[in-house]
C-alpha atoms as a PDB file:
ATOM      1  CA  MET A   1       5.265 120.916-116.905  1.00  0.00           C
ATOM      2  CA  ARG A   2       6.713 124.405-117.353  1.00  0.00           C
ATOM      3  CA  LEU A   3       8.448 125.706-114.172  1.00  0.00           C
ATOM      4  CA  LYS A   4       8.187 129.251-115.425  1.00  0.00           C
ATOM      5  CA  SER A   5       4.552 129.354-114.549  1.00  0.00           C
ATOM      6  CA  LYS A   6       4.720 127.642-111.146  1.00  0.00           C
ATOM      7  CA  ARG A   7       6.057 130.509-109.028  1.00  0.00           C
ATOM      8  CA  LYS A   8       3.653 130.050-106.108  1.00  0.00           C
ATOM      9  CA  GLU A   9       4.223 126.288-105.895  1.00  0.00           C
ATOM     10  CA  LEU A  10       8.095 126.770-105.916  1.00  0.00           C
ATOM     11  CA  GLN A  11       7.974 129.426-103.200  1.00  0.00           C
ATOM     12  CA  GLY A  12       5.953 126.818-101.026  1.00  0.00           C
ATOM     13  CA  LEU A  13       8.504 124.128-101.868  1.00  0.00           C
ATOM     14  CA  ASN A  14      11.347 126.625-100.904  1.00  0.00           C
ATOM     15  CA  GLY A  15       9.750 127.309 -97.632  1.00  0.00           C
ATOM     16  CA  ALA A  16       9.152 123.586 -96.838  1.00  0.00           C
ATOM     17  CA  VAL A  17      12.757 122.832 -97.518  1.00  0.00           C
ATOM     18  CA  GLY A  18      13.932 125.696 -95.317  1.00  0.00           C
ATOM     19  CA  LEU A  19      11.644 124.568 -92.475  1.00  0.00           C
ATOM     20  CA  ALA A  20      12.939 121.117 -92.789  1.00  0.00           C
ATOM     21  CA  VAL A  21      16.599 122.162 -92.389  1.00  0.00           C
ATOM     22  CA  GLY A  22      15.674 124.266 -89.430  1.00  0.00           C
ATOM     23  CA  LEU A  23      13.660 121.465 -87.741  1.00  0.00           C
ATOM     24  CA  GLY A  24      16.539 119.013 -88.429  1.00  0.00           C
ATOM     25  CA  GLY A  25      18.808 121.139 -86.352  1.00  0.00           C
ATOM     26  CA  PHE A  26      16.366 122.424 -83.643  1.00  0.00           C
ATOM     27  CA  VAL A  27      14.255 119.470 -82.999  1.00  0.00           C
ATOM     28  CA  GLY A  28      16.117 116.671 -84.570  1.00  0.00           C
ATOM     29  CA  GLN A  29      19.554 117.686 -83.137  1.00  0.00           C
ATOM     30  CA  LEU A  30      21.285 116.861 -86.452  1.00  0.00           C
ATOM     31  CA  TYR A  31      23.461 119.739 -86.309  1.00  0.00           C
ATOM     32  CA  PRO A  32      23.959 122.728 -83.959  1.00  0.00           C
ATOM     33  CA  PRO A  33      20.926 125.310 -83.837  1.00  0.00           C
ATOM     34  CA  SER A  34      23.287 127.897 -85.162  1.00  0.00           C
ATOM     35  CA  VAL A  35      23.895 125.886 -88.328  1.00  0.00           C
ATOM     36  CA  ALA A  36      20.272 125.211 -88.558  1.00  0.00           C
ATOM     37  CA  ALA A  37      19.279 128.850 -88.301  1.00  0.00           C
ATOM     38  CA  PHE A  38      21.887 129.767 -90.887  1.00  0.00           C
ATOM     39  CA  GLY A  39      20.893 127.157 -93.263  1.00  0.00           C
ATOM     40  CA  ALA A  40      17.296 127.697 -93.188  1.00  0.00           C
ATOM     41  CA  LEU A  41      17.835 131.420 -93.682  1.00  0.00           C
ATOM     42  CA  ALA A  42      20.259 130.796 -96.551  1.00  0.00           C
ATOM     43  CA  ILE A  43      17.946 128.426 -98.287  1.00  0.00           C
ATOM     44  CA  TRP A  44      14.869 130.896 -97.820  1.00  0.00           C
ATOM     45  CA  ILE A  45      16.794 133.841 -99.142  1.00  0.00           C
ATOM     46  CA  ILE A  46      18.776 132.321-101.963  1.00  0.00           C
ATOM     47  CA  GLY A  47      15.734 130.319-103.095  1.00  0.00           C
ATOM     48  CA  ALA A  48      13.364 132.992-103.249  1.00  0.00           C
ATOM     49  CA  THR A  49      15.882 135.276-105.096  1.00  0.00           C
ATOM     50  CA  LEU A  50      16.482 132.455-107.615  1.00  0.00           C
ATOM     51  CA  ILE A  51      12.655 131.709-108.091  1.00  0.00           C
ATOM     52  CA  ASN A  52      11.979 135.339-108.598  1.00  0.00           C
ATOM     53  CA  LEU A  53      14.719 135.634-111.158  1.00  0.00           C
ATOM     54  CA  LEU A  54      13.974 132.430-113.063  1.00  0.00           C
ATOM     55  CA  THR A  55      10.296 132.565-113.250  1.00  0.00           C
ATOM     56  CA  ASP A  56       7.742 134.903-114.915  1.00  0.00           C
ATOM     57  CA  PRO A  57       5.688 136.997-112.733  1.00  0.00           C
ATOM     58  CA  PRO A  58       2.158 136.230-112.042  1.00  0.00           C
ATOM     59  CA  ASP A  59      -0.553 137.398-114.309  1.00  0.00           C
ATOM     60  CA  ARG A  60      -2.414 140.529-113.143  1.00  0.00           C
ATOM     61  CA  LYS A  61      -6.130 140.382-113.093  1.00  0.00           C
END
């Protein structure tokens, strides 16, 4: 499996991980809500940037 052609799937995984971190703080009370918000946003921003840099753009039809 080549990750370079899985941009859409990796973006979905990135969103799910960010959501899990956010819910862990807001709902699960694992850490303060401010840390949850910062962690979720950091994962979404850094993850999306890395995915866009390390994968090929989707084919245009």
